[in-house]
């Protein structure tokens, strides 16, 4: 099975920019076609329609290529986006050349590629776009096909036979008509540009706020990781210091077991057996502490089916809490082929939640374990029937170690950190009918075929 290829955030952002460019180009195509239709059919302006529709066809072909490009998994580069914007500028320049050049009232359209470049790409690309659009604008002042239907004055052949007063009146009408069309074009350009700028500024502000939240989360995660490293160092030191006395105790218990006859002192032998079991648990806990401090072997993170992993976690938990009643609920509509990386830290994180739930509830009531998963996410809910979590504890549960007599301090902090480190989520809630519920979400492995299907459906 191949693991999914996760794109870096920078690549996701660039691909999203190309998607927005595709959407904006569709909007531009629609606007140009409507404008041509209105000007030619409703205003009676004579335009070189064949050449204009050729430019519209060129933009349509470019947009078709962009649509196909978005469906591929190849990396999208900033240079590719800039090249596409430059092609948009050239086609716009071609259509403006056919419709009056710089005298066209919608010459403001050259601002749009500049705005898009400044928002989507680094500063160097924006300055290059300033040079390109300014140069083309300057050339269109001299080189263009005039708009005959909105020229400010009538031709001399049309004025023959008219009186001087009538010719002056016709000049005034033509001037007013030209002025009104030009003013309307500039007004529409201002409204459209203002709306577009406002839209992008709001989107940019939203992106900046999202980035600030991500940075804050990253700083919080770094501080939490520092605490975990400190706790791991202390765990390794404690494991080293406790190893020798624990070994001495184990030897003494073994000798006492050999010296005490089972027939004469059955209760003592039973207590010694329990003591030996607790010593073995302590040894196992010390080995786990050493592994958590950085000595964990690579093979501990093996790939398993989710169903098998849940069985392994619950069986491991039952060896320590065999007397606690467990009600298991698994949603029937699960993906039996879904797989997960069975890290030892995740296993102990889930076991820690189960232990906390078992300690909070009564033995006869037991606890509930709900599991539901699909091809990409595993959702676990652990519910107890105890008094619930203190209200002030829920707000910062897991964010920092807390002193607690119920064993929900450092262990819960490590559990929270482990789940977050793997890209999962953990939430703590009190139920209205009594008891507490802990929800854990863990990402699963996604094979290449599933990822490809998701991209197509998306």
Protein backbone atom coordinates (compact mmCIF):
# COMPACT_ATOMS: atom_id res chain seq x y z
CA UNK A 1 0.00 0.00 0.00
CA UNK A 2 1.26 3.45 -0.91
CA UNK A 3 0.94 6.24 1.57
CA UNK A 4 -0.84 9.41 0.56
CA UNK A 5 1.26 12.30 -0.71
CA UNK A 6 0.46 15.33 1.36
CA UNK A 7 1.05 18.65 -0.42
CA UNK A 8 2.84 21.35 1.57
CA UNK A 9 0.83 24.41 2.53
CA UNK A 10 2.71 26.59 0.03
CA UNK A 11 1.78 24.28 -2.86
CA UNK A 12 -1.86 24.17 -1.69
CA UNK A 13 -1.94 27.98 -1.63
CA UNK A 14 -0.50 28.31 -5.16
CA UNK A 15 -2.96 25.73 -6.53
CA UNK A 16 -5.78 27.64 -4.83
CA UNK A 17 -4.58 30.83 -6.54
CA UNK A 18 -4.74 29.10 -9.93
CA UNK A 19 -8.28 28.00 -9.12
CA UNK A 20 -9.24 31.61 -8.31
CA UNK A 21 -7.63 32.76 -11.58
CA UNK A 22 -9.78 30.23 -13.42
CA UNK A 23 -12.92 31.57 -11.72
CA UNK A 24 -12.03 35.22 -12.42
CA UNK A 25 -11.32 34.43 -16.06
CA UNK A 26 -14.77 32.85 -16.38
CA UNK A 27 -16.23 36.05 -14.94
CA UNK A 28 -14.22 38.12 -17.41
CA UNK A 29 -15.37 35.97 -20.33
CA UNK A 30 -19.00 36.38 -19.35
CA UNK A 31 -18.60 40.15 -18.93
CA UNK A 32 -16.86 40.58 -22.31
CA UNK A 33 -19.48 38.56 -24.17
CA UNK A 34 -22.35 40.49 -22.57
CA UNK A 35 -20.63 43.81 -23.29
CA UNK A 36 -20.07 42.93 -26.95
CA UNK A 37 -23.68 41.83 -27.33
CA UNK A 38 -25.05 45.01 -25.71
CA UNK A 39 -22.77 47.38 -27.63
CA UNK A 40 -23.38 45.77 -31.03
CA UNK A 41 -27.05 44.79 -30.84
CA UNK A 42 -28.56 47.36 -28.45
CA UNK A 43 -26.38 50.42 -28.97
CA UNK A 44 -25.77 49.89 -32.67
CA UNK A 45 -22.01 50.38 -32.45
CA UNK A 46 -20.08 48.89 -35.38
CA UNK A 47 -17.27 46.64 -34.11
CA UNK A 48 -14.97 44.08 -35.80
CA UNK A 49 -16.92 41.21 -34.32
CA UNK A 50 -15.01 38.35 -35.99
CA UNK A 51 -11.69 39.52 -34.61
CA UNK A 52 -13.20 40.16 -31.14
CA UNK A 53 -14.76 36.70 -30.99
CA UNK A 54 -11.37 35.29 -31.98
CA UNK A 55 -9.93 36.90 -28.82
CA UNK A 56 -12.80 35.50 -26.74
CA UNK A 57 -12.09 32.06 -28.22
CA UNK A 58 -8.40 32.38 -27.27
CA UNK A 59 -9.29 33.16 -23.65
CA UNK A 60 -11.73 30.22 -23.63
CA UNK A 61 -8.99 27.85 -24.82
CA UNK A 62 -6.67 29.17 -22.10
CA UNK A 63 -9.36 28.65 -19.48
CA UNK A 64 -10.00 25.12 -20.74
CA UNK A 65 -6.30 24.39 -20.31
CA UNK A 66 -6.42 25.81 -16.76
CA UNK A 67 -9.40 23.59 -15.92
CA UNK A 68 -7.54 20.51 -17.15
CA UNK A 69 -4.41 21.67 -15.32
CA UNK A 70 -6.26 21.84 -12.02
CA UNK A 71 -7.26 18.19 -12.36
CA UNK A 72 -3.65 17.02 -12.50
CA UNK A 73 -1.37 16.41 -9.50
CA UNK A 74 1.66 18.17 -10.98
CA UNK A 75 3.09 21.03 -8.96
CA UNK A 76 1.74 24.50 -9.77
CA UNK A 77 4.41 27.22 -9.81
CA UNK A 78 4.23 30.99 -9.38
CA UNK A 79 5.84 31.42 -12.79
CA UNK A 80 3.03 29.40 -14.38
CA UNK A 81 0.37 31.64 -12.83
CA UNK A 82 2.24 34.78 -13.92
CA UNK A 83 2.53 33.42 -17.47
CA UNK A 84 -1.21 32.82 -17.64
CA UNK A 85 -1.94 36.34 -16.38
CA UNK A 86 0.41 37.73 -19.06
CA UNK A 87 -1.54 35.81 -21.72
CA UNK A 88 -4.74 37.34 -20.35
CA UNK A 89 -3.16 40.80 -20.67
CA UNK A 90 -2.13 40.16 -24.29
CA UNK A 91 -5.63 39.01 -25.28
CA UNK A 92 -7.18 42.03 -23.53
CA UNK A 93 -4.73 44.31 -25.33
CA UNK A 94 -5.71 42.71 -28.64
CA UNK A 95 -9.44 43.32 -28.04
CA UNK A 96 -8.83 46.87 -26.81
CA UNK A 97 -6.74 47.54 -29.92
CA UNK A 98 -9.80 46.60 -32.02
CA UNK A 99 -12.13 48.84 -29.97
CA UNK A 100 -10.49 52.23 -29.72
CA UNK A 101 -7.39 51.51 -27.65
CA UNK A 102 -6.80 54.04 -24.87
CA UNK A 103 -9.95 55.96 -25.85
CA UNK A 104 -12.10 52.95 -24.94
CA UNK A 105 -13.97 53.78 -21.70
CA UNK A 106 -13.20 50.28 -20.30
CA UNK A 107 -9.42 50.73 -20.58
CA UNK A 108 -9.46 50.41 -16.78
CA UNK A 109 -9.63 46.65 -17.31
CA UNK A 110 -5.81 46.65 -17.26
CA UNK A 111 -6.02 47.25 -13.52
CA UNK A 112 -7.51 43.80 -12.94
CA UNK A 113 -4.45 41.72 -13.93
CA UNK A 114 -2.31 44.05 -11.85
CA UNK A 115 -4.57 43.62 -8.79
CA UNK A 116 -4.65 39.84 -9.22
CA UNK A 117 -0.86 39.65 -9.60
CA UNK A 118 -0.22 41.84 -6.56
CA UNK A 119 -2.48 39.67 -4.40
CA UNK A 120 -1.51 36.20 -5.65
CA UNK A 121 2.21 36.55 -6.36
CA UNK A 122 5.31 38.04 -4.74
CA UNK A 123 6.24 41.69 -5.15
CA UNK A 124 8.69 41.14 -8.04
CA UNK A 125 5.90 39.75 -10.25
CA UNK A 126 3.67 42.71 -9.40
CA UNK A 127 6.30 45.24 -10.54
CA UNK A 128 6.84 43.29 -13.75
CA UNK A 129 3.09 43.41 -14.37
CA UNK A 130 3.15 47.19 -13.78
CA UNK A 131 5.77 47.52 -16.53
CA UNK A 132 3.88 45.25 -18.93
CA UNK A 133 0.45 46.88 -18.52
CA UNK A 134 1.86 50.43 -18.56
CA UNK A 135 3.79 49.72 -21.75
CA UNK A 136 0.77 48.21 -23.50
CA UNK A 137 -1.46 51.08 -22.31
CA UNK A 138 1.03 53.59 -23.76
CA UNK A 139 1.15 51.74 -27.10
CA UNK A 140 -2.66 51.65 -27.30
CA UNK A 141 -2.74 55.46 -27.18
CA UNK A 142 -1.13 55.56 -30.62
CA UNK A 143 -1.90 52.19 -32.18
CA UNK A 144 -5.60 51.28 -32.25
CA UNK A 145 -8.65 50.86 -34.43
CA UNK A 146 -10.96 53.85 -33.70
CA UNK A 147 -14.54 53.35 -32.63
CA UNK A 148 -16.48 54.85 -35.57
CA UNK A 149 -19.88 54.80 -33.90
CA UNK A 150 -18.84 56.96 -30.95
CA UNK A 151 -16.45 59.37 -32.60
CA UNK A 152 -16.94 62.86 -31.13
CA UNK A 153 -17.68 64.52 -34.49
CA UNK A 154 -19.49 63.57 -37.67
CA UNK A 155 -17.62 63.22 -40.97
CA UNK A 156 -17.54 66.06 -43.51
CA UNK A 157 -19.64 64.12 -46.04
CA UNK A 158 -22.46 63.85 -43.49
CA UNK A 159 -22.32 67.59 -42.76
CA UNK A 160 -22.71 68.79 -46.38
CA UNK A 161 -25.97 70.61 -46.98
CA UNK A 162 -26.44 71.52 -43.29
CA UNK A 163 -26.56 75.02 -41.98
CA UNK A 164 -23.86 76.27 -39.65
CA UNK A 165 -26.30 76.31 -36.72
CA UNK A 166 -27.44 72.77 -37.48
CA UNK A 167 -23.85 71.53 -37.75
CA UNK A 168 -23.03 73.10 -34.41
CA UNK A 169 -26.06 71.43 -32.88
CA UNK A 170 -25.00 68.04 -34.30
CA UNK A 171 -21.53 68.56 -32.90
CA UNK A 172 -23.00 69.20 -29.47
CA UNK A 173 -25.19 66.08 -29.67
CA UNK A 174 -22.25 63.92 -30.76
CA UNK A 175 -20.04 65.38 -28.04
CA UNK A 176 -22.68 64.76 -25.40
CA UNK A 177 -23.22 61.22 -26.57
CA UNK A 178 -19.52 60.47 -26.56
CA UNK A 179 -19.11 62.07 -23.17
CA UNK A 180 -22.04 60.15 -21.68
CA UNK A 181 -20.70 56.82 -22.95
CA UNK A 182 -17.22 57.59 -21.69
CA UNK A 183 -18.52 58.67 -18.28
CA UNK A 184 -20.67 55.57 -18.03
CA UNK A 185 -17.69 53.37 -18.90
CA UNK A 186 -15.52 55.06 -16.29
CA UNK A 187 -18.32 54.82 -13.69
CA UNK A 188 -18.80 51.14 -14.38
CA UNK A 189 -15.04 50.64 -14.20
CA UNK A 190 -14.84 52.37 -10.83
CA UNK A 191 -17.73 50.35 -9.36
CA UNK A 192 -16.39 47.05 -10.69
CA UNK A 193 -12.80 47.76 -9.62
CA UNK A 194 -13.91 48.95 -6.18
CA UNK A 195 -15.97 45.82 -5.65
CA UNK A 196 -13.14 43.57 -6.82
CA UNK A 197 -10.57 45.33 -4.64
CA UNK A 198 -12.91 45.16 -1.63
CA UNK A 199 -13.48 41.45 -2.24
CA UNK A 200 -9.78 40.68 -2.44
CA UNK A 201 -8.91 42.88 0.52
CA UNK A 202 -11.49 41.08 2.67
CA UNK A 203 -10.20 37.70 1.44
CA UNK A 204 -6.62 38.79 2.11
CA UNK A 205 -7.50 39.99 5.62
CA UNK A 206 -9.21 36.66 6.28
CA UNK A 207 -6.11 34.82 5.06
CA UNK A 208 -3.87 36.92 7.30
CA UNK A 209 -6.07 36.22 10.33
CA UNK A 210 -6.01 32.52 9.52
CA UNK A 211 -2.23 32.66 9.26
CA UNK A 212 -2.02 34.42 12.62
CA UNK A 213 -4.19 31.70 14.17
CA UNK A 214 -1.95 29.04 12.64
CA UNK A 215 1.13 30.79 14.02
CA UNK A 216 -0.47 31.00 17.46
CA UNK A 217 -1.33 27.30 17.30
CA UNK A 218 2.23 26.54 16.20
CA UNK A 219 3.66 28.51 19.12
CA UNK A 220 1.32 26.76 21.53
CA UNK A 221 2.28 23.41 20.04
CA UNK A 222 5.99 24.26 20.37
CA UNK A 223 5.56 25.18 24.04
CA UNK A 224 3.60 21.99 24.62
CA UNK A 225 6.31 19.96 22.90
CA UNK A 226 8.95 21.61 25.10
CA UNK A 227 7.02 20.49 28.16
CA UNK A 228 6.75 17.00 26.76
CA UNK A 229 10.51 16.91 26.14
CA UNK A 230 11.09 18.03 29.72
CA UNK A 231 8.72 15.39 31.02
CA UNK A 232 10.43 12.79 28.83
CA UNK A 233 13.81 13.72 30.26
CA UNK A 234 12.43 13.42 33.78
CA UNK A 235 10.83 10.09 32.86
CA UNK A 236 14.12 8.71 31.58
CA UNK A 237 15.91 9.89 34.72
CA UNK A 238 13.22 8.42 36.97
CA UNK A 239 13.29 5.13 35.07
CA UNK A 240 17.06 4.91 35.52
CA UNK A 241 16.91 5.78 39.24
CA UNK A 242 14.01 3.43 40.00
CA UNK A 243 15.35 0.48 38.07
CA UNK A 244 17.83 -0.69 40.74
CA UNK A 245 15.52 -0.51 43.81
CA UNK A 246 12.70 -2.08 41.85
CA UNK A 247 14.98 -4.93 40.84
CA UNK A 248 15.99 -5.41 44.48
CA UNK A 249 12.34 -5.55 45.54
CA UNK A 250 11.61 -8.11 42.79
CA UNK A 251 14.47 -10.35 44.08
CA UNK A 252 13.23 -10.13 47.64
CA UNK A 253 9.67 -10.98 46.65
CA UNK A 254 10.92 -13.97 44.67
CA UNK A 255 12.94 -15.21 47.66
CA UNK A 256 9.98 -14.71 50.03
CA UNK A 257 7.78 -16.67 47.64
CA UNK A 258 10.22 -19.58 47.73
CA UNK A 259 10.56 -19.46 51.51
CA UNK A 260 6.82 -19.30 52.37
CA UNK A 261 5.03 -22.67 51.94
CA UNK A 262 1.78 -22.38 50.01
CA UNK A 263 0.05 -25.00 52.16
CA UNK A 264 0.72 -23.21 55.44
CA UNK A 265 0.34 -19.58 54.34
CA UNK A 266 -1.99 -19.47 51.31
CA UNK A 267 -3.06 -15.86 51.96
CA UNK A 268 0.57 -14.70 52.17
CA UNK A 269 1.41 -16.50 48.94
CA UNK A 270 -1.59 -14.87 47.26
CA UNK A 271 -0.49 -11.43 48.42
CA UNK A 272 3.07 -12.10 47.25
CA UNK A 273 1.69 -13.12 43.84
CA UNK A 274 -0.24 -9.85 43.63
CA UNK A 275 2.88 -7.96 44.68
CA UNK A 276 4.88 -9.74 41.96
CA UNK A 277 2.25 -8.72 39.37
CA UNK A 278 2.46 -5.08 40.48
CA UNK A 279 6.25 -5.18 40.27
CA UNK A 280 5.99 -6.51 36.70
CA UNK A 281 3.61 -3.66 35.87
CA UNK A 282 6.07 -1.17 37.30
CA UNK A 283 8.86 -2.65 35.19
CA UNK A 284 6.69 -2.43 32.09
CA UNK A 285 5.80 1.18 32.91
CA UNK A 286 9.48 2.04 33.35
CA UNK A 287 10.29 0.53 29.94
CA UNK A 288 7.50 2.59 28.39
CA UNK A 289 8.83 5.74 30.10
CA UNK A 290 12.25 5.08 28.59
CA UNK A 291 10.72 4.51 25.16
CA UNK A 292 8.70 7.73 25.40
CA UNK A 293 11.89 9.61 26.24
CA UNK A 294 13.36 8.79 22.85
CA UNK A 295 14.37 5.15 22.92
CA UNK A 296 11.31 3.91 21.04
CA UNK A 297 12.13 1.54 18.23
CA UNK A 298 11.01 2.34 14.71
CA UNK A 299 9.04 -0.88 14.38
CA UNK A 300 6.71 0.21 17.20
CA UNK A 301 4.81 2.32 14.67
CA UNK A 302 3.53 -0.56 12.54
CA UNK A 303 0.63 -0.38 10.10
CA UNK A 304 -2.50 -2.26 11.20
CA UNK A 305 -6.13 -2.59 10.24
CA UNK A 306 -8.24 -0.31 12.40
CA UNK A 307 -10.42 -3.20 13.59
CA UNK A 308 -7.36 -5.19 14.68
CA UNK A 309 -5.80 -2.16 16.33
CA UNK A 310 -8.93 -1.48 18.42
CA UNK A 311 -8.97 -5.14 19.53
CA UNK A 312 -5.31 -4.90 20.52
CA UNK A 313 -5.85 -1.68 22.51
CA UNK A 314 -8.87 -3.04 24.36
CA UNK A 315 -7.17 -6.37 25.11
CA UNK A 316 -4.13 -4.58 26.46
CA UNK A 317 -6.35 -2.36 28.62
CA UNK A 318 -8.31 -5.35 29.98
CA UNK A 319 -5.13 -6.93 31.37
CA UNK A 320 -5.03 -4.10 33.92
CA UNK A 321 -8.76 -3.38 34.30
CA UNK A 322 -10.30 -6.82 33.95
CA UNK A 323 -12.97 -6.09 36.58
CA UNK A 324 -14.34 -3.01 34.81
CA UNK A 325 -17.40 -3.63 32.64
CA UNK A 326 -16.92 -2.39 29.06
CA UNK A 327 -19.78 -1.79 26.62
CA UNK A 328 -18.43 -1.84 23.07
CA UNK A 329 -20.27 -0.05 20.23
CA UNK A 330 -18.88 -0.17 16.68
CA UNK A 331 -20.82 1.39 13.80
CA UNK A 332 -21.72 -1.32 11.24
CA UNK A 333 -20.98 0.92 8.23
CA UNK A 334 -17.23 1.05 8.79
CA UNK A 335 -14.47 0.57 6.24
CA UNK A 336 -12.92 -2.77 7.18
CA UNK A 337 -9.90 -2.10 4.93
CA UNK A 338 -8.95 1.17 6.68
CA UNK A 339 -5.48 1.18 8.23
CA UNK A 340 -3.74 3.14 10.97
CA UNK A 341 -0.16 3.60 12.20
CA UNK A 342 -0.22 1.84 15.57
CA UNK A 343 2.21 3.98 17.53
CA UNK A 344 2.87 2.98 21.11
CA UNK A 345 2.24 6.55 22.28
CA UNK A 346 -1.24 6.55 20.71
CA UNK A 347 -2.05 3.21 22.30
CA UNK A 348 -1.11 4.46 25.75
CA UNK A 349 -3.00 7.71 25.14
CA UNK A 350 -6.24 5.76 24.49
CA UNK A 351 -5.55 3.42 27.43
CA UNK A 352 -5.02 6.45 29.67
CA UNK A 353 -8.47 7.78 28.71
CA UNK A 354 -10.01 4.37 29.41
CA UNK A 355 -8.28 4.20 32.80
CA UNK A 356 -9.54 7.66 33.75
CA UNK A 357 -13.08 6.69 32.74
CA UNK A 358 -12.86 3.42 34.72
CA UNK A 359 -11.63 5.23 37.84
CA UNK A 360 -14.43 7.81 37.59
CA UNK A 361 -17.31 5.33 37.31
CA UNK A 362 -18.59 2.49 39.44
CA UNK A 363 -17.62 -1.08 38.53
CA UNK A 364 -21.19 -2.34 38.06
CA UNK A 365 -22.07 0.52 35.68
CA UNK A 366 -18.92 0.23 33.58
CA UNK A 367 -17.90 2.47 30.72
CA UNK A 368 -18.82 2.76 27.03
CA UNK A 369 -16.42 2.61 24.08
CA UNK A 370 -17.81 3.85 20.75
CA UNK A 371 -15.80 3.47 17.53
CA UNK A 372 -16.63 4.70 14.04
CA UNK A 373 -14.32 5.15 11.07
CA UNK A 374 -14.22 5.61 7.32
CA UNK A 375 -11.33 5.59 4.87
CA UNK A 376 -9.67 8.70 6.33
CA UNK A 377 -10.69 9.28 9.97
CA UNK A 378 -11.21 7.25 13.15
CA UNK A 379 -13.62 8.60 15.79
CA UNK A 380 -13.50 7.16 19.32
CA UNK A 381 -15.84 8.10 22.16
CA UNK A 382 -15.22 6.98 25.74
CA UNK A 383 -18.14 7.62 28.07
CA UNK A 384 -18.25 7.05 31.86
CA UNK A 385 -21.03 7.27 34.46
CA UNK A 386 -19.14 9.21 37.09
CA UNK A 387 -19.70 12.71 38.50
CA UNK A 388 -18.32 14.35 35.37
CA UNK A 389 -15.46 16.79 34.87
CA UNK A 390 -15.28 20.06 36.82
CA UNK A 391 -16.45 22.99 34.72
CA UNK A 392 -13.19 24.88 35.19
CA UNK A 393 -11.21 21.79 34.19
CA UNK A 394 -12.88 21.40 30.76
CA UNK A 395 -11.57 24.77 29.52
CA UNK A 396 -7.90 23.82 29.81
CA UNK A 397 -8.07 20.01 29.95
CA UNK A 398 -4.95 18.59 28.35
CA UNK A 399 -3.39 21.96 27.55
CA UNK A 400 -1.17 21.86 30.61
CA UNK A 401 -0.41 19.47 33.48
CA UNK A 402 -2.71 19.90 36.49
CA UNK A 403 -2.57 18.56 39.99
CA UNK A 404 -5.33 16.04 40.55
CA UNK A 405 -5.96 13.24 42.99
CA UNK A 406 -7.72 11.20 40.27
CA UNK A 407 -4.71 10.72 38.04
CA UNK A 408 -5.86 13.12 35.29
CA UNK A 409 -2.92 15.54 35.33
CA UNK A 410 0.33 14.77 33.50
CA UNK A 411 -1.13 11.65 31.86
CA UNK A 412 -3.96 13.61 30.30
CA UNK A 413 -1.54 16.32 29.18
CA UNK A 414 0.61 13.71 27.43
CA UNK A 415 -2.50 12.16 25.88
CA UNK A 416 -3.64 15.52 24.52
CA UNK A 417 -0.17 16.26 23.13
CA UNK A 418 0.12 12.86 21.46
CA UNK A 419 -3.24 13.16 19.70
CA UNK A 420 -2.50 16.73 18.52
CA UNK A 421 0.97 15.75 17.31
CA UNK A 422 -0.55 13.17 14.95
CA UNK A 423 -3.04 15.68 13.52
CA UNK A 424 -5.99 14.44 15.56
CA UNK A 425 -8.43 16.12 17.92
CA UNK A 426 -9.56 15.42 21.47
CA UNK A 427 -12.57 17.00 23.18
CA UNK A 428 -13.94 16.71 26.72
CA UNK A 429 -17.66 17.07 27.49
CA UNK A 430 -20.04 16.55 30.38
CA UNK A 431 -23.28 14.80 29.47
CA UNK A 432 -26.65 16.09 30.61
CA UNK A 433 -27.67 12.60 31.84
CA UNK A 434 -24.52 12.35 33.93
CA UNK A 435 -20.94 11.34 33.39
CA UNK A 436 -18.28 12.60 31.01
CA UNK A 437 -17.45 11.82 27.38
CA UNK A 438 -14.07 12.10 25.67
CA UNK A 439 -14.04 12.23 21.85
CA UNK A 440 -10.84 11.37 19.98
CA UNK A 441 -10.37 11.85 16.23
CA UNK A 442 -7.34 10.25 14.56
CA UNK A 443 -6.32 10.44 10.89
CA UNK A 444 -5.93 7.14 9.05
CA UNK A 445 -3.70 6.07 6.21
CA UNK A 446 -5.07 6.84 2.76
CA UNK A 447 -3.88 4.80 -0.19
CA UNK A 448 -3.19 6.36 -3.57
CA UNK A 449 -6.40 5.06 -5.18
CA UNK A 450 -8.60 6.55 -2.46
CA UNK A 451 -6.75 9.88 -2.68
CA UNK A 452 -7.20 9.93 -6.44
CA UNK A 453 -10.93 9.24 -6.17
CA UNK A 454 -11.31 12.01 -3.57
CA UNK A 455 -9.54 14.49 -5.87
CA UNK A 456 -11.82 13.62 -8.77
CA UNK A 457 -14.96 13.86 -6.67
CA UNK A 458 -13.74 17.13 -5.18
